[in-house]
Amino acid sequence: MIPSADGSPSRNLFGVKAGSQWRGASTQVNSLEYENGQAVMRKSAFRRYDSFVQSMQDYVDLIGTHERYGKAREVANDPEAYFDALQQAGYATDPQYAKKLKQVLHSDALKDLWQST
């Protein structure tokens, strides 16, 4: 999780950046970005939240209201297609973003979690 400047947690569960329209708290950290297929370190602003619930609510608002994520909303019932649609919409610069999320989805840790509930 992205730390705040003072080392406290940002509670930013989804790595949401703090763009120019963001009016809430933020923190600046070096982040690995991909530009023209090349990995580069950039100082980036990320949103900071007072709670994990606030982070989740903001993510739902971001995905639910921005047109660029329309395809992701259409396939939200299919996690793998959802991850692909997020990547295609430019949610993350990492070209392996969807693949990494799918690996987590199919990880033994998540399988164990689902089986224990």
PDB file of N, CA and C in Angstrom:
ATOM      1  N   MET A   1       0.842  -1.167   0.000  1.00  0.00           N
ATOM      2  CA  MET A   1       0.000   0.000   0.000  1.00  0.00           C
ATOM      3  C   MET A   1       0.894   1.240   0.000  1.00  0.00           C
ATOM      4  N   ILE A   2       0.436   2.250  -0.631  1.00  0.00           N
ATOM      5  CA  ILE A   2       1.184   3.490  -0.774  1.00  0.00           C
ATOM      6  C   ILE A   2       1.252   4.198   0.585  1.00  0.00           C
ATOM      7  N   PRO A   3       2.458   4.527   1.046  1.00  0.00           N
ATOM      8  CA  PRO A   3       2.563   5.248   2.316  1.00  0.00           C
ATOM      9  C   PRO A   3       2.385   6.751   2.122  1.00  0.00           C
ATOM     10  N   SER A   4       1.969   7.418   3.184  1.00  0.00           N
ATOM     11  CA  SER A   4       1.939   8.879   3.187  1.00  0.00           C
ATOM     12  C   SER A   4       3.350   9.378   3.469  1.00  0.00           C
ATOM     13  N   ALA A   5       3.579  10.652   3.310  1.00  0.00           N
ATOM     14  CA  ALA A   5       4.911  11.229   3.508  1.00  0.00           C
ATOM     15  C   ALA A   5       5.440  10.957   4.919  1.00  0.00           C
ATOM     16  N   ASP A   6       4.548  10.910   5.904  1.00  0.00           N
ATOM     17  CA  ASP A   6       4.976  10.664   7.279  1.00  0.00           C
ATOM     18  C   ASP A   6       5.070   9.177   7.618  1.00  0.00           C
ATOM     19  N   GLY A   7       4.857   8.326   6.612  1.00  0.00           N
ATOM     20  CA  GLY A   7       4.944   6.882   6.809  1.00  0.00           C
ATOM     21  C   GLY A   7       3.630   6.224   7.172  1.00  0.00           C
ATOM     22  N   SER A   8       2.621   7.003   7.450  1.00  0.00           N
ATOM     23  CA  SER A   8       1.318   6.424   7.775  1.00  0.00           C
ATOM     24  C   SER A   8       0.665   5.898   6.495  1.00  0.00           C
ATOM     25  N   PRO A   9      -0.269   4.954   6.630  1.00  0.00           N
ATOM     26  CA  PRO A   9      -0.893   4.389   5.430  1.00  0.00           C
ATOM     27  C   PRO A   9      -1.817   5.374   4.724  1.00  0.00           C
ATOM     28  N   SER A  10      -1.828   5.301   3.414  1.00  0.00           N
ATOM     29  CA  SER A  10      -2.740   6.141   2.619  1.00  0.00           C
ATOM     30  C   SER A  10      -4.134   5.533   2.563  1.00  0.00           C
ATOM     31  N   ARG A  11      -4.236   4.264   2.875  1.00  0.00           N
ATOM     32  CA  ARG A  11      -5.482   3.494   2.790  1.00  0.00           C
ATOM     33  C   ARG A  11      -6.034   3.461   1.365  1.00  0.00           C
ATOM     34  N   ASN A  12      -5.145   3.665   0.396  1.00  0.00           N
ATOM     35  CA  ASN A  12      -5.511   3.660  -1.020  1.00  0.00           C
ATOM     36  C   ASN A  12      -5.398   2.223  -1.519  1.00  0.00           C
ATOM     37  N   LEU A  13      -6.494   1.489  -1.448  1.00  0.00           N
ATOM     38  CA  LEU A  13      -6.488   0.065  -1.783  1.00  0.00           C
ATOM     39  C   LEU A  13      -6.314  -0.223  -3.267  1.00  0.00           C
ATOM     40  N   PHE A  14      -6.602   0.758  -4.124  1.00  0.00           N
ATOM     41  CA  PHE A  14      -6.639   0.493  -5.555  1.00  0.00           C
ATOM     42  C   PHE A  14      -5.621   1.305  -6.355  1.00  0.00           C
ATOM     43  N   GLY A  15      -4.698   1.968  -5.682  1.00  0.00           N
ATOM     44  CA  GLY A  15      -3.680   2.732  -6.381  1.00  0.00           C
ATOM     45  C   GLY A  15      -4.231   3.874  -7.215  1.00  0.00           C
ATOM     46  N   VAL A  16      -5.289   4.516  -6.736  1.00  0.00           N
ATOM     47  CA  VAL A  16      -5.927   5.596  -7.491  1.00  0.00           C
ATOM     48  C   VAL A  16      -5.069   6.855  -7.376  1.00  0.00           C
ATOM     49  N   LYS A  17      -4.728   7.413  -8.517  1.00  0.00           N
ATOM     50  CA  LYS A  17      -3.920   8.629  -8.542  1.00  0.00           C
ATOM     51  C   LYS A  17      -4.776   9.845  -8.226  1.00  0.00           C
ATOM     52  N   ALA A  18      -4.115  10.871  -7.753  1.00  0.00           N
ATOM     53  CA  ALA A  18      -4.774  12.137  -7.430  1.00  0.00           C
ATOM     54  C   ALA A  18      -4.533  13.091  -8.592  1.00  0.00           C
ATOM     55  N   GLY A  19      -5.407  13.064  -9.566  1.00  0.00           N
ATOM     56  CA  GLY A  19      -5.297  13.947 -10.722  1.00  0.00           C
ATOM     57  C   GLY A  19      -5.646  15.378 -10.362  1.00  0.00           C
ATOM     58  N   SER A  20      -5.638  16.231 -11.342  1.00  0.00           N
ATOM     59  CA  SER A  20      -5.867  17.662 -11.120  1.00  0.00           C
ATOM     60  C   SER A  20      -7.257  17.971 -10.574  1.00  0.00           C
ATOM     61  N   GLN A  21      -8.226  17.087 -10.793  1.00  0.00           N
ATOM     62  CA  GLN A  21      -9.582  17.334 -10.305  1.00  0.00           C
ATOM     63  C   GLN A  21      -9.810  16.814  -8.884  1.00  0.00           C
ATOM     64  N   TRP A  22      -8.872  16.062  -8.339  1.00  0.00           N
ATOM     65  CA  TRP A  22      -9.005  15.512  -6.992  1.00  0.00           C
ATOM     66  C   TRP A  22      -8.857  16.629  -5.974  1.00  0.00           C
ATOM     67  N   ARG A  23      -9.807  16.742  -5.056  1.00  0.00           N
ATOM     68  CA  ARG A  23      -9.792  17.796  -4.050  1.00  0.00           C
ATOM     69  C   ARG A  23      -9.517  17.273  -2.645  1.00  0.00           C
ATOM     70  N   GLY A  24      -9.282  15.986  -2.526  1.00  0.00           N
ATOM     71  CA  GLY A  24      -9.014  15.412  -1.212  1.00  0.00           C
ATOM     72  C   GLY A  24      -7.527  15.365  -0.899  1.00  0.00           C
ATOM     73  N   ALA A  25      -7.196  14.690   0.175  1.00  0.00           N
ATOM     74  CA  ALA A  25      -5.809  14.534   0.604  1.00  0.00           C
ATOM     75  C   ALA A  25      -5.056  13.649  -0.383  1.00  0.00           C
ATOM     76  N   SER A  26      -3.767  13.874  -0.472  1.00  0.00           N
ATOM     77  CA  SER A  26      -2.944  13.057  -1.369  1.00  0.00           C
ATOM     78  C   SER A  26      -1.545  12.899  -0.786  1.00  0.00           C
ATOM     79  N   THR A  27      -0.793  12.015  -1.396  1.00  0.00           N
ATOM     80  CA  THR A  27       0.599  11.801  -1.026  1.00  0.00           C
ATOM     81  C   THR A  27       1.398  11.602  -2.301  1.00  0.00           C
ATOM     82  N   GLN A  28       2.621  12.063  -2.300  1.00  0.00           N
ATOM     83  CA  GLN A  28       3.475  11.919  -3.481  1.00  0.00           C
ATOM     84  C   GLN A  28       4.530  10.850  -3.211  1.00  0.00           C
ATOM     85  N   VAL A  29       4.647   9.911  -4.130  1.00  0.00           N
ATOM     86  CA  VAL A  29       5.645   8.851  -4.015  1.00  0.00           C
ATOM     87  C   VAL A  29       6.217   8.547  -5.394  1.00  0.00           C
ATOM     88  N   ASN A  30       7.387   7.934  -5.397  1.00  0.00           N
ATOM     89  CA  ASN A  30       7.928   7.435  -6.652  1.00  0.00           C
ATOM     90  C   ASN A  30       7.149   6.189  -7.028  1.00  0.00           C
ATOM     91  N   SER A  31       6.756   6.113  -8.283  1.00  0.00           N
ATOM     92  CA  SER A  31       6.015   4.941  -8.741  1.00  0.00           C
ATOM     93  C   SER A  31       6.561   4.491 -10.087  1.00  0.00           C
ATOM     94  N   LEU A  32       6.503   3.190 -10.301  1.00  0.00           N
ATOM     95  CA  LEU A  32       6.937   2.613 -11.561  1.00  0.00           C
ATOM     96  C   LEU A  32       5.821   2.785 -12.573  1.00  0.00           C
ATOM     97  N   GLU A  33       6.102   3.489 -13.642  1.00  0.00           N
ATOM     98  CA  GLU A  33       5.134   3.729 -14.706  1.00  0.00           C
ATOM     99  C   GLU A  33       5.707   3.181 -16.002  1.00  0.00           C
ATOM    100  N   TYR A  34       4.841   2.937 -16.955  1.00  0.00           N
ATOM    101  CA  TYR A  34       5.275   2.462 -18.264  1.00  0.00           C
ATOM    102  C   TYR A  34       4.901   3.500 -19.307  1.00  0.00           C
ATOM    103  N   GLU A  35       5.905   3.955 -20.036  1.00  0.00           N
ATOM    104  CA  GLU A  35       5.714   4.943 -21.090  1.00  0.00           C
ATOM    105  C   GLU A  35       6.351   4.407 -22.364  1.00  0.00           C
ATOM    106  N   ASN A  36       5.540   4.256 -23.392  1.00  0.00           N
ATOM    107  CA  ASN A  36       6.021   3.703 -24.670  1.00  0.00           C
ATOM    108  C   ASN A  36       6.722   2.363 -24.469  1.00  0.00           C
ATOM    109  N   GLY A  37       6.150   1.545 -23.586  1.00  0.00           N
ATOM    110  CA  GLY A  37       6.691   0.211 -23.349  1.00  0.00           C
ATOM    111  C   GLY A  37       7.901   0.158 -22.441  1.00  0.00           C
ATOM    112  N   GLN A  38       8.360   1.295 -21.969  1.00  0.00           N
ATOM    113  CA  GLN A  38       9.536   1.345 -21.107  1.00  0.00           C
ATOM    114  C   GLN A  38       9.139   1.653 -19.664  1.00  0.00           C
ATOM    115  N   ALA A  39       9.733   0.930 -18.724  1.00  0.00           N
ATOM    116  CA  ALA A  39       9.487   1.188 -17.310  1.00  0.00           C
ATOM    117  C   ALA A  39      10.310   2.396 -16.871  1.00  0.00           C
ATOM    118  N   VAL A  40       9.655   3.353 -16.225  1.00  0.00           N
ATOM    119  CA  VAL A  40      10.333   4.554 -15.718  1.00  0.00           C
ATOM    120  C   VAL A  40       9.788   4.886 -14.329  1.00  0.00           C
ATOM    121  N   MET A  41      10.647   5.464 -13.500  1.00  0.00           N
ATOM    122  CA  MET A  41      10.210   5.927 -12.186  1.00  0.00           C
ATOM    123  C   MET A  41       9.738   7.368 -12.314  1.00  0.00           C
ATOM    124  N   ARG A  42       8.565   7.653 -11.756  1.00  0.00           N
ATOM    125  CA  ARG A  42       7.991   8.993 -11.782  1.00  0.00           C
ATOM    126  C   ARG A  42       7.486   9.339 -10.388  1.00  0.00           C
ATOM    127  N   LYS A  43       7.585  10.585 -10.030  1.00  0.00           N
ATOM    128  CA  LYS A  43       6.961  11.075  -8.803  1.00  0.00           C
ATOM    129  C   LYS A  43       5.483  11.277  -9.137  1.00  0.00           C
ATOM    130  N   SER A  44       4.615  10.561  -8.447  1.00  0.00           N
ATOM    131  CA  SER A  44       3.183  10.607  -8.737  1.00  0.00           C
ATOM    132  C   SER A  44       2.398  10.910  -7.471  1.00  0.00           C
ATOM    133  N   ALA A  45       1.303  11.604  -7.647  1.00  0.00           N
ATOM    134  CA  ALA A  45       0.397  11.900  -6.530  1.00  0.00           C
ATOM    135  C   ALA A  45      -0.696  10.836  -6.483  1.00  0.00           C
ATOM    136  N   PHE A  46      -0.910  10.282  -5.316  1.00  0.00           N
ATOM    137  CA  PHE A  46      -1.949   9.284  -5.103  1.00  0.00           C
ATOM    138  C   PHE A  46      -2.917   9.786  -4.045  1.00  0.00           C
ATOM    139  N   ARG A  47      -4.153   9.390  -4.191  1.00  0.00           N
ATOM    140  CA  ARG A  47      -5.184   9.786  -3.237  1.00  0.00           C
ATOM    141  C   ARG A  47      -4.917   9.145  -1.876  1.00  0.00           C
ATOM    142  N   ARG A  48      -5.268   9.889  -0.838  1.00  0.00           N
ATOM    143  CA  ARG A  48      -5.154   9.410   0.527  1.00  0.00           C
ATOM    144  C   ARG A  48      -6.542   9.445   1.151  1.00  0.00           C
ATOM    145  N   TYR A  49      -6.868   8.420   1.920  1.00  0.00           N
ATOM    146  CA  TYR A  49      -8.205   8.297   2.491  1.00  0.00           C
ATOM    147  C   TYR A  49      -8.149   8.170   4.012  1.00  0.00           C
ATOM    148  N   ASP A  50      -9.239   8.544   4.647  1.00  0.00           N
ATOM    149  CA  ASP A  50      -9.341   8.419   6.100  1.00  0.00           C
ATOM    150  C   ASP A  50      -9.663   6.993   6.528  1.00  0.00           C
ATOM    151  N   SER A  51     -10.219   6.199   5.604  1.00  0.00           N
ATOM    152  CA  SER A  51     -10.601   4.825   5.944  1.00  0.00           C
ATOM    153  C   SER A  51     -10.561   3.950   4.687  1.00  0.00           C
ATOM    154  N   PHE A  52     -10.532   2.663   4.898  1.00  0.00           N
ATOM    155  CA  PHE A  52     -10.594   1.729   3.776  1.00  0.00           C
ATOM    156  C   PHE A  52     -11.960   1.806   3.099  1.00  0.00           C
ATOM    157  N   VAL A  53     -13.003   2.043   3.882  1.00  0.00           N
ATOM    158  CA  VAL A  53     -14.348   2.180   3.313  1.00  0.00           C
ATOM    159  C   VAL A  53     -14.376   3.363   2.353  1.00  0.00           C
ATOM    160  N   GLN A  54     -13.768   4.475   2.740  1.00  0.00           N
ATOM    161  CA  GLN A  54     -13.719   5.642   1.869  1.00  0.00           C
ATOM    162  C   GLN A  54     -12.984   5.308   0.573  1.00  0.00           C
ATOM    163  N   SER A  55     -11.913   4.528   0.661  1.00  0.00           N
ATOM    164  CA  SER A  55     -11.170   4.105  -0.532  1.00  0.00           C
ATOM    165  C   SER A  55     -12.065   3.271  -1.451  1.00  0.00           C
ATOM    166  N   MET A  56     -12.803   2.341  -0.867  1.00  0.00           N
ATOM    167  CA  MET A  56     -13.697   1.502  -1.662  1.00  0.00           C
ATOM    168  C   MET A  56     -14.810   2.319  -2.308  1.00  0.00           C
ATOM    169  N   GLN A  57     -15.384   3.252  -1.546  1.00  0.00           N
ATOM    170  CA  GLN A  57     -16.456   4.084  -2.085  1.00  0.00           C
ATOM    171  C   GLN A  57     -15.948   4.948  -3.240  1.00  0.00           C
ATOM    172  N   ASP A  58     -14.750   5.482  -3.109  1.00  0.00           N
ATOM    173  CA  ASP A  58     -14.189   6.322  -4.157  1.00  0.00           C
ATOM    174  C   ASP A  58     -13.895   5.499  -5.412  1.00  0.00           C
ATOM    175  N   TYR A  59     -13.416   4.282  -5.230  1.00  0.00           N
ATOM    176  CA  TYR A  59     -13.155   3.407  -6.377  1.00  0.00           C
ATOM    177  C   TYR A  59     -14.460   3.116  -7.122  1.00  0.00           C
ATOM    178  N   VAL A  60     -15.499   2.781  -6.380  1.00  0.00           N
ATOM    179  CA  VAL A  60     -16.801   2.507  -7.002  1.00  0.00           C
ATOM    180  C   VAL A  60     -17.288   3.741  -7.752  1.00  0.00           C
ATOM    181  N   ASP A  61     -17.114   4.911  -7.159  1.00  0.00           N
ATOM    182  CA  ASP A  61     -17.518   6.148  -7.820  1.00  0.00           C
ATOM    183  C   ASP A  61     -16.695   6.382  -9.088  1.00  0.00           C
ATOM    184  N   LEU A  62     -15.400   6.189  -8.999  1.00  0.00           N
ATOM    185  CA  LEU A  62     -14.517   6.386 -10.153  1.00  0.00           C
ATOM    186  C   LEU A  62     -14.903   5.464 -11.307  1.00  0.00           C
ATOM    187  N   ILE A  63     -15.011   4.186 -11.043  1.00  0.00           N
ATOM    188  CA  ILE A  63     -15.335   3.217 -12.096  1.00  0.00           C
ATOM    189  C   ILE A  63     -16.782   3.391 -12.555  1.00  0.00           C
ATOM    190  N   GLY A  64     -17.657   3.712 -11.621  1.00  0.00           N
ATOM    191  CA  GLY A  64     -19.078   3.794 -11.932  1.00  0.00           C
ATOM    192  C   GLY A  64     -19.523   5.031 -12.679  1.00  0.00           C
ATOM    193  N   THR A  65     -18.734   6.099 -12.638  1.00  0.00           N
ATOM    194  CA  THR A  65     -19.193   7.344 -13.247  1.00  0.00           C
ATOM    195  C   THR A  65     -18.380   7.813 -14.452  1.00  0.00           C
ATOM    196  N   HIS A  66     -17.202   7.297 -14.640  1.00  0.00           N
ATOM    197  CA  HIS A  66     -16.380   7.763 -15.754  1.00  0.00           C
ATOM    198  C   HIS A  66     -16.612   6.902 -16.994  1.00  0.00           C
ATOM    199  N   GLU A  67     -16.890   7.560 -18.096  1.00  0.00           N
ATOM    200  CA  GLU A  67     -17.215   6.871 -19.345  1.00  0.00           C
ATOM    201  C   GLU A  67     -16.105   5.927 -19.798  1.00  0.00           C
ATOM    202  N   ARG A  68     -14.864   6.290 -19.535  1.00  0.00           N
ATOM    203  CA  ARG A  68     -13.760   5.449 -20.011  1.00  0.00           C
ATOM    204  C   ARG A  68     -13.821   4.025 -19.444  1.00  0.00           C
ATOM    205  N   TYR A  69     -14.554   3.851 -18.331  1.00  0.00           N
ATOM    206  CA  TYR A  69     -14.674   2.522 -17.723  1.00  0.00           C
ATOM    207  C   TYR A  69     -16.004   1.849 -18.049  1.00  0.00           C
ATOM    208  N   GLY A  70     -16.709   2.354 -19.051  1.00  0.00           N
ATOM    209  CA  GLY A  70     -17.999   1.785 -19.430  1.00  0.00           C
ATOM    210  C   GLY A  70     -17.918   0.313 -19.784  1.00  0.00           C
ATOM    211  N   LYS A  71     -16.928  -0.082 -20.556  1.00  0.00           N
ATOM    212  CA  LYS A  71     -16.762  -1.493 -20.937  1.00  0.00           C
ATOM    213  C   LYS A  71     -16.510  -2.355 -19.705  1.00  0.00           C
ATOM    214  N   ALA A  72     -15.717  -1.847 -18.770  1.00  0.00           N
ATOM    215  CA  ALA A  72     -15.453  -2.604 -17.539  1.00  0.00           C
ATOM    216  C   ALA A  72     -16.753  -2.831 -16.770  1.00  0.00           C
ATOM    217  N   ARG A  73     -17.590  -1.811 -16.706  1.00  0.00           N
ATOM    218  CA  ARG A  73     -18.881  -1.972 -16.022  1.00  0.00           C
ATOM    219  C   ARG A  73     -19.739  -3.022 -16.716  1.00  0.00           C
ATOM    220  N   GLU A  74     -19.694  -3.056 -18.045  1.00  0.00           N
ATOM    221  CA  GLU A  74     -20.502  -4.015 -18.805  1.00  0.00           C
ATOM    222  C   GLU A  74     -20.118  -5.458 -18.513  1.00  0.00           C
ATOM    223  N   VAL A  75     -18.852  -5.692 -18.181  1.00  0.00           N
ATOM    224  CA  VAL A  75     -18.379  -7.070 -17.972  1.00  0.00           C
ATOM    225  C   VAL A  75     -17.998  -7.324 -16.509  1.00  0.00           C
ATOM    226  N   ALA A  76     -18.527  -6.510 -15.607  1.00  0.00           N
ATOM    227  CA  ALA A  76     -18.155  -6.603 -14.192  1.00  0.00           C
ATOM    228  C   ALA A  76     -18.475  -7.968 -13.569  1.00  0.00           C
ATOM    229  N   ASN A  77     -19.391  -8.719 -14.167  1.00  0.00           N
ATOM    230  CA  ASN A  77     -19.728 -10.049 -13.634  1.00  0.00           C
ATOM    231  C   ASN A  77     -18.688 -11.105 -14.002  1.00  0.00           C
ATOM    232  N   ASP A  78     -17.727 -10.753 -14.840  1.00  0.00           N
ATOM    233  CA  ASP A  78     -16.667 -11.669 -15.261  1.00  0.00           C
ATOM    234  C   ASP A  78     -15.324 -11.047 -14.866  1.00  0.00           C
ATOM    235  N   PRO A  79     -14.737 -11.467 -13.740  1.00  0.00           N
ATOM    236  CA  PRO A  79     -13.526 -10.813 -13.246  1.00  0.00           C
ATOM    237  C   PRO A  79     -12.396 -10.708 -14.278  1.00  0.00           C
ATOM    238  N   GLU A  80     -12.157 -11.755 -15.031  1.00  0.00           N
ATOM    239  CA  GLU A  80     -11.053 -11.703 -16.000  1.00  0.00           C
ATOM    240  C   GLU A  80     -11.322 -10.686 -17.102  1.00  0.00           C
ATOM    241  N   ALA A  81     -12.543 -10.646 -17.613  1.00  0.00           N
ATOM    242  CA  ALA A  81     -12.899  -9.659 -18.632  1.00  0.00           C
ATOM    243  C   ALA A  81     -12.871  -8.248 -18.037  1.00  0.00           C
ATOM    244  N   TYR A  82     -13.268  -8.132 -16.783  1.00  0.00           N
ATOM    245  CA  TYR A  82     -13.239  -6.835 -16.096  1.00  0.00           C
ATOM    246  C   TYR A  82     -11.800  -6.321 -16.003  1.00  0.00           C
ATOM    247  N   PHE A  83     -10.882  -7.185 -15.604  1.00  0.00           N
ATOM    248  CA  PHE A  83      -9.475  -6.777 -15.507  1.00  0.00           C
ATOM    249  C   PHE A  83      -8.938  -6.347 -16.872  1.00  0.00           C
ATOM    250  N   ASP A  84      -9.278  -7.115 -17.908  1.00  0.00           N
ATOM    251  CA  ASP A  84      -8.842  -6.751 -19.266  1.00  0.00           C
ATOM    252  C   ASP A  84      -9.409  -5.391 -19.671  1.00  0.00           C
ATOM    253  N   ALA A  85     -10.689  -5.158 -19.368  1.00  0.00           N
ATOM    254  CA  ALA A  85     -11.324  -3.898 -19.739  1.00  0.00           C
ATOM    255  C   ALA A  85     -10.714  -2.723 -18.980  1.00  0.00           C
ATOM    256  N   LEU A  86     -10.384  -2.924 -17.711  1.00  0.00           N
ATOM    257  CA  LEU A  86      -9.712  -1.861 -16.957  1.00  0.00           C
ATOM    258  C   LEU A  86      -8.379  -1.500 -17.602  1.00  0.00           C
ATOM    259  N   GLN A  87      -7.632  -2.525 -17.976  1.00  0.00           N
ATOM    260  CA  GLN A  87      -6.339  -2.268 -18.603  1.00  0.00           C
ATOM    261  C   GLN A  87      -6.521  -1.542 -19.937  1.00  0.00           C
ATOM    262  N   GLN A  88      -7.462  -1.991 -20.733  1.00  0.00           N
ATOM    263  CA  GLN A  88      -7.706  -1.351 -22.026  1.00  0.00           C
ATOM    264  C   GLN A  88      -8.162   0.101 -21.866  1.00  0.00           C
ATOM    265  N   ALA A  89      -8.840   0.406 -20.756  1.00  0.00           N
ATOM    266  CA  ALA A  89      -9.308   1.767 -20.509  1.00  0.00           C
ATOM    267  C   ALA A  89      -8.205   2.672 -19.965  1.00  0.00           C
ATOM    268  N   GLY A  90      -7.055   2.083 -19.665  1.00  0.00           N
ATOM    269  CA  GLY A  90      -5.942   2.881 -19.178  1.00  0.00           C
ATOM    270  C   GLY A  90      -5.918   3.096 -17.682  1.00  0.00           C
ATOM    271  N   TYR A  91      -6.547   2.196 -16.926  1.00  0.00           N
ATOM    272  CA  TYR A  91      -6.551   2.344 -15.467  1.00  0.00           C
ATOM    273  C   TYR A  91      -5.140   2.327 -14.906  1.00  0.00           C
ATOM    274  N   ALA A  92      -4.283   1.504 -15.477  1.00  0.00           N
ATOM    275  CA  ALA A  92      -2.889   1.401 -15.026  1.00  0.00           C
ATOM    276  C   ALA A  92      -1.983   1.426 -16.247  1.00  0.00           C
ATOM    277  N   THR A  93      -0.766   1.902 -16.052  1.00  0.00           N
ATOM    278  CA  THR A  93       0.176   1.952 -17.175  1.00  0.00           C
ATOM    279  C   THR A  93       0.914   0.633 -17.370  1.00  0.00           C
ATOM    280  N   ASP A  94       0.892  -0.234 -16.378  1.00  0.00           N
ATOM    281  CA  ASP A  94       1.590  -1.518 -16.457  1.00  0.00           C
ATOM    282  C   ASP A  94       0.946  -2.400 -17.525  1.00  0.00           C
ATOM    283  N   PRO A  95       1.707  -2.791 -18.563  1.00  0.00           N
ATOM    284  CA  PRO A  95       1.121  -3.631 -19.606  1.00  0.00           C
ATOM    285  C   PRO A  95       0.738  -5.030 -19.108  1.00  0.00           C
ATOM    286  N   GLN A  96       1.198  -5.399 -17.924  1.00  0.00           N
ATOM    287  CA  GLN A  96       0.878  -6.703 -17.343  1.00  0.00           C
ATOM    288  C   GLN A  96      -0.186  -6.601 -16.240  1.00  0.00           C
ATOM    289  N   TYR A  97      -0.831  -5.445 -16.142  1.00  0.00           N
ATOM    290  CA  TYR A  97      -1.792  -5.186 -15.064  1.00  0.00           C
ATOM    291  C   TYR A  97      -2.868  -6.272 -14.974  1.00  0.00           C
ATOM    292  N   ALA A  98      -3.559  -6.527 -16.060  1.00  0.00           N
ATOM    293  CA  ALA A  98      -4.648  -7.521 -16.049  1.00  0.00           C
ATOM    294  C   ALA A  98      -4.108  -8.912 -15.730  1.00  0.00           C
ATOM    295  N   LYS A  99      -2.979  -9.252 -16.302  1.00  0.00           N
ATOM    296  CA  LYS A  99      -2.382 -10.569 -16.055  1.00  0.00           C
ATOM    297  C   LYS A  99      -2.046 -10.747 -14.572  1.00  0.00           C
ATOM    298  N   LYS A 100      -1.507  -9.720 -13.950  1.00  0.00           N
ATOM    299  CA  LYS A 100      -1.154  -9.789 -12.528  1.00  0.00           C
ATOM    300  C   LYS A 100      -2.393  -9.951 -11.656  1.00  0.00           C
ATOM    301  N   LEU A 101      -3.455  -9.233 -11.985  1.00  0.00           N
ATOM    302  CA  LEU A 101      -4.686  -9.371 -11.210  1.00  0.00           C
ATOM    303  C   LEU A 101      -5.275 -10.772 -11.357  1.00  0.00           C
ATOM    304  N   LYS A 102      -5.192 -11.317 -12.548  1.00  0.00           N
ATOM    305  CA  LYS A 102      -5.693 -12.677 -12.770  1.00  0.00           C
ATOM    306  C   LYS A 102      -4.878 -13.691 -11.971  1.00  0.00           C
ATOM    307  N   GLN A 103      -3.573 -13.461 -11.846  1.00  0.00           N
ATOM    308  CA  GLN A 103      -2.746 -14.357 -11.047  1.00  0.00           C
ATOM    309  C   GLN A 103      -3.170 -14.331  -9.586  1.00  0.00           C
ATOM    310  N   VAL A 104      -3.484 -13.150  -9.074  1.00  0.00           N
ATOM    311  CA  VAL A 104      -3.974 -13.037  -7.701  1.00  0.00           C
ATOM    312  C   VAL A 104      -5.322 -13.745  -7.571  1.00  0.00           C
ATOM    313  N   LEU A 105      -6.203 -13.521  -8.539  1.00  0.00           N
ATOM    314  CA  LEU A 105      -7.520 -14.139  -8.528  1.00  0.00           C
ATOM    315  C   LEU A 105      -7.425 -15.660  -8.432  1.00  0.00           C
ATOM    316  N   HIS A 106      -6.452 -16.239  -9.108  1.00  0.00           N
ATOM    317  CA  HIS A 106      -6.310 -17.698  -9.143  1.00  0.00           C
ATOM    318  C   HIS A 106      -5.277 -18.224  -8.150  1.00  0.00           C
ATOM    319  N   SER A 107      -4.823 -17.370  -7.250  1.00  0.00           N
ATOM    320  CA  SER A 107      -3.792 -17.771  -6.294  1.00  0.00           C
ATOM    321  C   SER A 107      -4.352 -18.737  -5.248  1.00  0.00           C
ATOM    322  N   ASP A 108      -3.460 -19.519  -4.681  1.00  0.00           N
ATOM    323  CA  ASP A 108      -3.857 -20.448  -3.623  1.00  0.00           C
ATOM    324  C   ASP A 108      -4.419 -19.699  -2.421  1.00  0.00           C
ATOM    325  N   ALA A 109      -3.883 -18.515  -2.131  1.00  0.00           N
ATOM    326  CA  ALA A 109      -4.365 -17.749  -0.982  1.00  0.00           C
ATOM    327  C   ALA A 109      -5.845 -17.404  -1.135  1.00  0.00           C
ATOM    328  N   LEU A 110      -6.246 -16.981  -2.321  1.00  0.00           N
ATOM    329  CA  LEU A 110      -7.668 -16.667  -2.522  1.00  0.00           C
ATOM    330  C   LEU A 110      -8.520 -17.929  -2.555  1.00  0.00           C
ATOM    331  N   LYS A 111      -8.004 -18.987  -3.144  1.00  0.00           N
ATOM    332  CA  LYS A 111      -8.747 -20.247  -3.140  1.00  0.00           C
ATOM    333  C   LYS A 111      -9.011 -20.703  -1.723  1.00  0.00           C
ATOM    334  N   ASP A 112      -7.977 -20.602  -0.863  1.00  0.00           N
ATOM    335  CA  ASP A 112      -8.146 -20.995   0.537  1.00  0.00           C
ATOM    336  C   ASP A 112      -9.166 -20.091   1.220  1.00  0.00           C
ATOM    337  N   LEU A 113      -9.150 -18.818   0.916  1.00  0.00           N
ATOM    338  CA  LEU A 113     -10.090 -17.888   1.524  1.00  0.00           C
ATOM    339  C   LEU A 113     -11.523 -18.246   1.131  1.00  0.00           C
ATOM    340  N   TRP A 114     -11.758 -18.511  -0.157  1.00  0.00           N
ATOM    341  CA  TRP A 114     -13.106 -18.859  -0.619  1.00  0.00           C
ATOM    342  C   TRP A 114     -13.575 -20.171  -0.007  1.00  0.00           C
ATOM    343  N   GLN A 115     -12.656 -21.119   0.146  1.00  0.00           N
ATOM    344  CA  GLN A 115     -13.048 -22.412   0.681  1.00  0.00           C
ATOM    345  C   GLN A 115     -13.350 -22.351   2.183  1.00  0.00           C
ATOM    346  N   SER A 116     -12.786 -21.364   2.865  1.00  0.00           N
ATOM    347  CA  SER A 116     -13.005 -21.265   4.313  1.00  0.00           C
ATOM    348  C   SER A 116     -14.288 -20.522   4.651  1.00  0.00           C
ATOM    349  N   THR A 117     -14.955 -19.933   3.649  1.00  0.00           N
ATOM    350  CA  THR A 117     -16.181 -19.186   3.950  1.00  0.00           C
ATOM    351  C   THR A 117     -17.409 -20.004   3.665  1.00  0.00           C
TER     352      THR A 117
END
